[in-house]
Amino acid sequence: MDRRQFISHLGCVTATSSVALAAASRASEQPAESPKRPLPTISLGKHRVTRLVVGSNPLNGYSYLGPHVDRHMKEYFTVDRSVDFLLACERSGINTHQFSYSAAGKSLEIIRKARQRGCKMNFFCLARDPDEIRPVAAATRPIALVHHGGVTDRRFAEGKDELVHDFVKAVHDQGLLAGVSAHNPECIRRVADAGWEVDFFMTCFYFLTRKFFHKPGEPETEPETLYFNYPFYRNDPAVMTEVIKQVDQPCLGFKILAAGRKCKDQTTVRDAFRFTFENIKDTDGVIVGMFPWCFDEVGANAQYTREHGDPTKQASSRAAGK
């Protein structure tokens, strides 16, 4: 095309883009729709929480798949897109989001903007120390605070588990539910056996912090594989779910998809949800991070929770011998 045709074409493209952006802006200002189909729920204290909780790692750029995916997640999940994402989760029936104090600035802005747009979700926060409790409670009005899993494991490995207990007590002093997260099943077992007044646990399906628990005198061997920072062992979920079934408190299993390693296809994802709900208590749930960049992971995961996380359906299947 000649110069005049090119300029005319460019003007049409610009006008069309402006209309599209304006329409997207108007759509983003609409209040969140009410969930059309409720998800099965469990009790955390006085709160009814959906058995599927949306996690925060993708929003904060933690993929457990390497720096390239981390960066892609960070670039995708701007504050405004994160708000849109939470509203989409709510429309799919999810009523709870777990966020992290380590990304407090971004998280606070996301929660504030989401509530301005009508979001009614429950929020609870991962934190590390008692001095983080009051500011995050005042800023976000969470239903609970949970001691960060990696920090739990490290403190238990160093013989400083009383710091974790102090955190739990400080959360209760603020009138909030208190949780403990861990990757090491033995940490969960020890807290339960000691009778700590913990309201619920966050239980990782993979023991990612094995290196913290290296025993003195044992030889340290160099792993044969590269980039062994995150050891996802095949049998770890079976070990953690046995502990989950033994403790009285509700447990929220996380990394049930092995940080994307069980996402080869949707049959694999569905099987992971099925395994999880078949091997935890009816009073337990799951926390799943989602990255709906090229696929509606929110809708799919909500559907798998409806299919496999409804205790009444599970009871019927067990009675039928399925």
Protein backbone atom coordinates (compact mmCIF):
# COMPACT_ATOMS: atom_id res chain seq x y z
CA MET A 1 0.00 0.00 0.00
CA ASP A 2 1.12 3.62 -0.57
CA ARG A 3 1.83 6.10 2.22
CA ARG A 4 -1.72 7.51 2.31
CA GLN A 5 -3.28 4.05 2.53
CA PHE A 6 -0.82 3.06 5.26
CA ILE A 7 -1.66 6.11 7.39
CA SER A 8 -5.40 5.50 6.91
CA HIS A 9 -4.96 1.83 7.91
CA LEU A 10 -2.90 2.83 10.95
CA GLY A 11 -5.64 5.21 12.04
CA CYS A 12 -8.24 2.42 11.88
CA VAL A 13 -6.02 0.10 13.92
CA THR A 14 -5.43 2.81 16.54
CA ALA A 15 -9.14 3.59 16.78
CA THR A 16 -10.02 -0.09 17.10
CA SER A 17 -7.37 -0.56 19.79
CA SER A 18 -8.68 2.45 21.70
CA VAL A 19 -12.22 1.09 21.63
CA ALA A 20 -10.98 -2.31 22.83
CA LEU A 21 -8.97 -0.77 25.66
CA ALA A 22 -11.92 1.39 26.71
CA ALA A 23 -14.20 -1.65 26.73
CA ALA A 24 -11.67 -3.61 28.79
CA SER A 25 -11.41 -0.71 31.22
CA ARG A 26 -15.20 -0.54 31.63
CA ALA A 27 -15.36 -4.31 32.14
CA SER A 28 -12.67 -4.16 34.82
CA GLU A 29 -14.75 -1.63 36.76
CA GLN A 30 -17.75 -3.97 37.00
CA PRO A 31 -18.36 -5.56 40.41
CA ALA A 32 -17.58 -9.23 40.87
CA GLU A 33 -20.41 -11.56 39.89
CA SER A 34 -21.82 -13.94 42.46
CA PRO A 35 -20.49 -17.50 42.15
CA LYS A 36 -22.94 -19.58 40.16
CA ARG A 37 -22.01 -22.99 41.57
CA PRO A 38 -20.68 -23.26 45.11
CA LEU A 39 -17.66 -25.38 45.86
CA PRO A 40 -17.60 -27.83 48.79
CA THR A 41 -16.43 -26.13 51.97
CA ILE A 42 -14.71 -26.88 55.27
CA SER A 43 -14.55 -25.03 58.58
CA LEU A 44 -11.58 -22.96 59.72
CA GLY A 45 -12.78 -21.74 63.07
CA LYS A 46 -16.06 -19.91 62.47
CA HIS A 47 -15.31 -19.44 58.77
CA ARG A 48 -16.56 -21.59 55.90
CA VAL A 49 -13.71 -21.93 53.45
CA THR A 50 -13.86 -23.61 50.06
CA ARG A 51 -11.87 -26.81 49.81
CA LEU A 52 -9.96 -25.15 46.97
CA VAL A 53 -7.97 -22.09 48.12
CA VAL A 54 -6.07 -20.00 45.60
CA GLY A 55 -2.37 -19.65 46.43
CA SER A 56 -0.09 -16.67 45.90
CA ASN A 57 3.20 -18.05 44.57
CA PRO A 58 2.46 -17.33 40.88
CA LEU A 59 1.29 -13.80 41.73
CA ASN A 60 4.63 -13.20 43.43
CA GLY A 61 6.72 -14.85 40.71
CA TYR A 62 7.66 -18.07 42.53
CA SER A 63 7.35 -20.87 39.97
CA TYR A 64 9.82 -23.47 41.33
CA LEU A 65 10.64 -23.99 37.66
CA GLY A 66 13.54 -21.57 37.21
CA PRO A 67 14.19 -17.85 36.72
CA HIS A 68 12.64 -17.58 33.25
CA VAL A 69 9.23 -18.77 34.43
CA ASP A 70 9.57 -16.64 37.59
CA ARG A 71 10.06 -13.54 35.47
CA HIS A 72 7.18 -14.41 33.16
CA MET A 73 4.84 -14.78 36.14
CA LYS A 74 5.96 -11.45 37.60
CA GLU A 75 5.40 -9.66 34.30
CA TYR A 76 2.00 -11.28 33.81
CA PHE A 77 0.63 -10.69 37.31
CA THR A 78 0.55 -6.92 37.53
CA VAL A 79 -1.54 -5.57 40.41
CA ASP A 80 -4.56 -4.93 38.19
CA ARG A 81 -4.32 -8.30 36.47
CA SER A 82 -3.97 -9.97 39.88
CA VAL A 83 -7.19 -8.29 40.98
CA ASP A 84 -8.94 -9.49 37.82
CA PHE A 85 -7.58 -12.96 38.57
CA LEU A 86 -8.98 -13.03 42.13
CA LEU A 87 -12.36 -11.84 40.90
CA ALA A 88 -12.33 -14.64 38.33
CA CYS A 89 -11.52 -17.12 41.11
CA GLU A 90 -14.46 -15.80 43.11
CA ARG A 91 -16.80 -16.13 40.13
CA SER A 92 -15.64 -19.75 39.80
CA GLY A 93 -16.75 -20.40 43.38
CA ILE A 94 -13.44 -20.07 45.28
CA ASN A 95 -13.93 -17.95 48.40
CA THR A 96 -10.45 -17.86 49.96
CA HIS A 97 -6.97 -16.61 49.00
CA GLN A 98 -3.67 -17.29 50.79
CA PHE A 99 -1.19 -14.43 50.42
CA SER A 100 2.30 -13.81 51.76
CA TYR A 101 3.83 -11.12 53.94
CA SER A 102 7.06 -11.40 51.92
CA ALA A 103 5.21 -9.57 49.12
CA ALA A 104 3.32 -7.32 51.53
CA GLY A 105 3.38 -4.16 49.45
CA LYS A 106 1.94 -5.80 46.36
CA SER A 107 -0.41 -8.05 48.34
CA LEU A 108 -1.90 -5.15 50.30
CA GLU A 109 -2.59 -3.23 47.10
CA ILE A 110 -4.17 -6.27 45.44
CA ILE A 111 -6.44 -6.95 48.41
CA ARG A 112 -7.43 -3.28 48.74
CA LYS A 113 -8.32 -2.95 45.06
CA ALA A 114 -10.10 -6.31 44.99
CA ARG A 115 -12.33 -5.26 47.90
CA GLN A 116 -13.02 -1.93 46.22
CA ARG A 117 -14.36 -3.88 43.26
CA GLY A 118 -16.65 -5.97 45.43
CA CYS A 119 -14.51 -8.99 46.29
CA LYS A 120 -15.84 -10.85 49.35
CA MET A 121 -13.13 -13.50 49.61
CA ASN A 122 -11.53 -14.64 52.86
CA PHE A 123 -7.81 -13.87 53.10
CA PHE A 124 -5.11 -15.41 55.25
CA CYS A 125 -1.40 -14.68 55.33
CA LEU A 126 1.91 -16.53 55.56
CA ALA A 127 4.31 -14.70 57.87
CA ARG A 128 7.51 -15.39 59.78
CA ASP A 129 7.78 -13.34 62.97
CA PRO A 130 5.45 -11.88 65.63
CA ASP A 131 6.30 -8.29 64.67
CA GLU A 132 4.67 -8.88 61.26
CA ILE A 133 1.32 -9.88 62.74
CA ARG A 134 -0.14 -6.55 63.86
CA PRO A 135 0.60 -4.51 60.69
CA VAL A 136 -0.68 -7.16 58.30
CA ALA A 137 -3.78 -7.73 60.45
CA ALA A 138 -4.57 -4.01 60.50
CA ALA A 139 -4.02 -3.60 56.76
CA THR A 140 -5.81 -6.69 55.41
CA ARG A 141 -8.23 -7.95 58.09
CA PRO A 142 -7.28 -11.61 57.49
CA ILE A 143 -9.08 -14.55 59.04
CA ALA A 144 -5.76 -16.19 59.99
CA LEU A 145 -1.97 -15.99 59.95
CA VAL A 146 0.21 -19.01 59.28
CA HIS A 147 3.86 -19.54 60.15
CA HIS A 148 5.81 -19.80 56.89
CA GLY A 149 6.63 -23.40 55.95
CA GLY A 150 10.27 -23.01 54.96
CA VAL A 151 10.95 -21.02 58.12
CA THR A 152 9.15 -23.64 60.23
CA ASP A 153 11.37 -26.38 58.82
CA ARG A 154 14.56 -24.41 59.32
CA ARG A 155 13.70 -23.47 62.91
CA PHE A 156 12.82 -27.06 63.81
CA ALA A 157 16.06 -28.26 62.23
CA GLU A 158 18.02 -25.72 64.30
CA GLY A 159 16.22 -26.63 67.53
CA LYS A 160 14.38 -23.29 67.63
CA ASP A 161 10.84 -24.62 67.43
CA GLU A 162 9.84 -22.42 70.40
CA LEU A 163 9.97 -19.47 67.99
CA VAL A 164 7.25 -21.10 65.92
CA HIS A 165 5.18 -21.67 69.06
CA ASP A 166 5.66 -18.03 70.08
CA PHE A 167 4.31 -16.97 66.68
CA VAL A 168 1.20 -19.10 67.16
CA LYS A 169 0.57 -17.55 70.58
CA ALA A 170 1.07 -14.02 69.21
CA VAL A 171 -1.47 -14.63 66.44
CA HIS A 172 -4.03 -15.82 68.97
CA ASP A 173 -3.35 -12.71 71.04
CA GLN A 174 -4.63 -10.70 68.08
CA GLY A 175 -7.86 -12.73 68.03
CA LEU A 176 -7.02 -14.51 64.77
CA LEU A 177 -6.79 -18.14 63.76
CA ALA A 178 -3.22 -19.44 63.91
CA GLY A 179 -1.72 -21.98 61.53
CA VAL A 180 1.61 -23.70 61.00
CA SER A 181 2.94 -24.61 57.58
CA ALA A 182 5.68 -27.16 56.93
CA HIS A 183 7.26 -29.24 54.18
CA ASN A 184 8.62 -31.85 56.58
CA PRO A 185 5.84 -34.20 57.74
CA GLU A 186 7.70 -34.75 61.01
CA CYS A 187 7.28 -31.06 61.91
CA ILE A 188 3.50 -31.40 61.59
CA ARG A 189 3.57 -34.56 63.68
CA ARG A 190 5.66 -32.94 66.42
CA VAL A 191 3.37 -29.92 66.70
CA ALA A 192 0.30 -32.15 66.90
CA ASP A 193 1.88 -34.51 69.44
CA ALA A 194 2.97 -31.57 71.60
CA GLY A 195 -0.63 -30.33 71.74
CA TRP A 196 0.01 -26.80 70.49
CA GLU A 197 -3.19 -24.78 70.13
CA VAL A 198 -2.94 -24.64 66.35
CA ASP A 199 -6.17 -24.09 64.43
CA PHE A 200 -5.01 -25.66 61.16
CA PHE A 201 -1.94 -26.77 59.24
CA MET A 202 -0.58 -26.08 55.78
CA THR A 203 1.01 -29.32 54.60
CA CYS A 204 3.32 -29.47 51.58
CA PHE A 205 3.02 -32.64 49.52
CA TYR A 206 6.78 -32.57 48.85
CA PHE A 207 9.58 -32.49 51.43
CA LEU A 208 11.49 -29.66 49.75
CA THR A 209 13.64 -28.80 52.75
CA ARG A 210 15.48 -32.09 53.24
CA LYS A 211 18.82 -30.28 53.19
CA PHE A 212 17.90 -28.50 56.45
CA PHE A 213 17.73 -31.84 58.24
CA HIS A 214 21.14 -33.23 57.30
CA LYS A 215 22.38 -35.05 60.38
CA PRO A 216 25.85 -34.18 61.75
CA GLY A 217 28.38 -36.82 60.87
CA GLU A 218 26.50 -38.07 57.82
CA PRO A 219 28.46 -37.70 54.56
CA GLU A 220 27.13 -35.00 52.25
CA THR A 221 26.97 -36.37 48.73
CA GLU A 222 26.73 -34.23 45.62
CA PRO A 223 23.47 -35.01 43.78
CA GLU A 224 23.83 -36.52 40.34
CA THR A 225 21.29 -34.14 38.78
CA LEU A 226 21.73 -30.43 38.18
CA TYR A 227 19.54 -27.74 39.77
CA PHE A 228 18.59 -29.94 42.71
CA ASN A 229 17.33 -27.04 44.84
CA TYR A 230 13.82 -28.47 44.91
CA PRO A 231 13.76 -32.25 45.35
CA PHE A 232 10.32 -33.47 44.31
CA TYR A 233 10.35 -37.13 45.37
CA ARG A 234 7.66 -39.34 43.88
CA ASN A 235 6.50 -40.92 47.17
CA ASP A 236 6.41 -37.76 49.28
CA PRO A 237 2.64 -37.16 48.87
CA ALA A 238 1.85 -40.57 50.35
CA VAL A 239 3.99 -39.80 53.41
CA MET A 240 2.43 -36.40 54.05
CA THR A 241 -1.15 -37.59 53.54
CA GLU A 242 -0.61 -40.29 56.17
CA VAL A 243 0.31 -37.56 58.65
CA ILE A 244 -2.61 -35.41 57.52
CA LYS A 245 -5.03 -38.23 58.31
CA GLN A 246 -3.57 -38.64 61.80
CA VAL A 247 -3.90 -35.04 63.04
CA ASP A 248 -7.18 -33.68 64.35
CA GLN A 249 -6.89 -30.17 62.91
CA PRO A 250 -7.90 -29.26 59.36
CA CYS A 251 -5.02 -29.39 56.90
CA LEU A 252 -4.58 -27.48 53.66
CA GLY A 253 -2.37 -29.47 51.31
CA PHE A 254 -0.24 -27.47 48.92
CA LYS A 255 1.95 -28.24 45.91
CA ILE A 256 -0.41 -31.07 45.07
CA LEU A 257 0.61 -30.56 41.43
CA ALA A 258 4.34 -30.60 42.29
CA ALA A 259 4.75 -26.97 41.18
CA GLY A 260 3.71 -27.78 37.62
CA ARG A 261 5.43 -31.14 37.36
CA LYS A 262 2.05 -32.90 37.38
CA CYS A 263 0.54 -30.66 34.71
CA LYS A 264 1.55 -32.56 31.56
CA ASP A 265 -2.12 -32.66 30.54
CA GLN A 266 -5.51 -32.23 32.19
CA THR A 267 -5.88 -35.95 32.83
CA THR A 268 -2.75 -35.76 34.97
CA VAL A 269 -4.06 -32.69 36.80
CA ARG A 270 -7.44 -34.29 37.43
CA ASP A 271 -5.75 -37.44 38.76
CA ALA A 272 -3.70 -35.33 41.18
CA PHE A 273 -6.87 -33.71 42.54
CA ARG A 274 -8.55 -37.11 42.80
CA PHE A 275 -5.59 -38.63 44.67
CA THR A 276 -5.47 -35.69 47.04
CA PHE A 277 -9.12 -35.66 48.03
CA GLU A 278 -9.17 -39.44 48.37
CA ASN A 279 -6.21 -39.34 50.77
CA ILE A 280 -7.03 -36.43 53.07
CA LYS A 281 -9.78 -35.96 55.63
CA ASP A 282 -13.21 -34.57 54.73
CA THR A 283 -12.30 -31.59 56.93
CA ASP A 284 -9.22 -30.75 54.83
CA GLY A 285 -8.68 -28.70 51.69
CA VAL A 286 -6.01 -27.72 49.16
CA ILE A 287 -4.13 -24.57 48.20
CA VAL A 288 -3.30 -24.35 44.50
CA GLY A 289 -1.37 -21.64 42.69
CA MET A 290 -2.70 -20.90 39.21
CA PHE A 291 -1.25 -19.23 36.13
CA PRO A 292 -4.06 -18.84 33.57
CA TRP A 293 -1.83 -17.42 30.88
CA CYS A 294 -2.88 -19.83 28.13
CA PHE A 295 -5.60 -21.96 29.73
CA ASP A 296 -8.49 -21.46 32.17
CA GLU A 297 -6.78 -23.16 35.10
CA VAL A 298 -9.20 -21.52 37.53
CA GLY A 299 -12.29 -23.04 35.97
CA ALA A 300 -10.65 -26.43 35.49
CA ASN A 301 -9.37 -26.67 39.08
CA ALA A 302 -12.74 -25.58 40.45
CA GLN A 303 -14.40 -28.31 38.41
CA TYR A 304 -11.96 -30.98 39.63
CA THR A 305 -12.70 -29.90 43.20
CA ARG A 306 -16.43 -30.27 42.59
CA GLU A 307 -15.89 -33.70 41.04
CA HIS A 308 -13.56 -35.12 43.68
CA GLY A 309 -13.80 -32.84 46.72
CA ASP A 310 -17.46 -33.25 47.60
CA PRO A 311 -17.54 -35.46 50.73
CA THR A 312 -21.05 -36.71 49.93
CA LYS A 313 -19.93 -37.94 46.52
CA GLN A 314 -16.82 -39.50 48.04
CA ALA A 315 -18.94 -41.34 50.60
CA SER A 316 -21.22 -42.66 47.83
CA SER A 317 -18.22 -43.82 45.81
CA ARG A 318 -16.72 -45.61 48.81
CA ALA A 319 -20.04 -47.28 49.57
CA ALA A 320 -20.27 -48.43 45.96
CA GLY A 321 -16.74 -49.82 46.14
CA LYS A 322 -15.37 -47.45 43.51
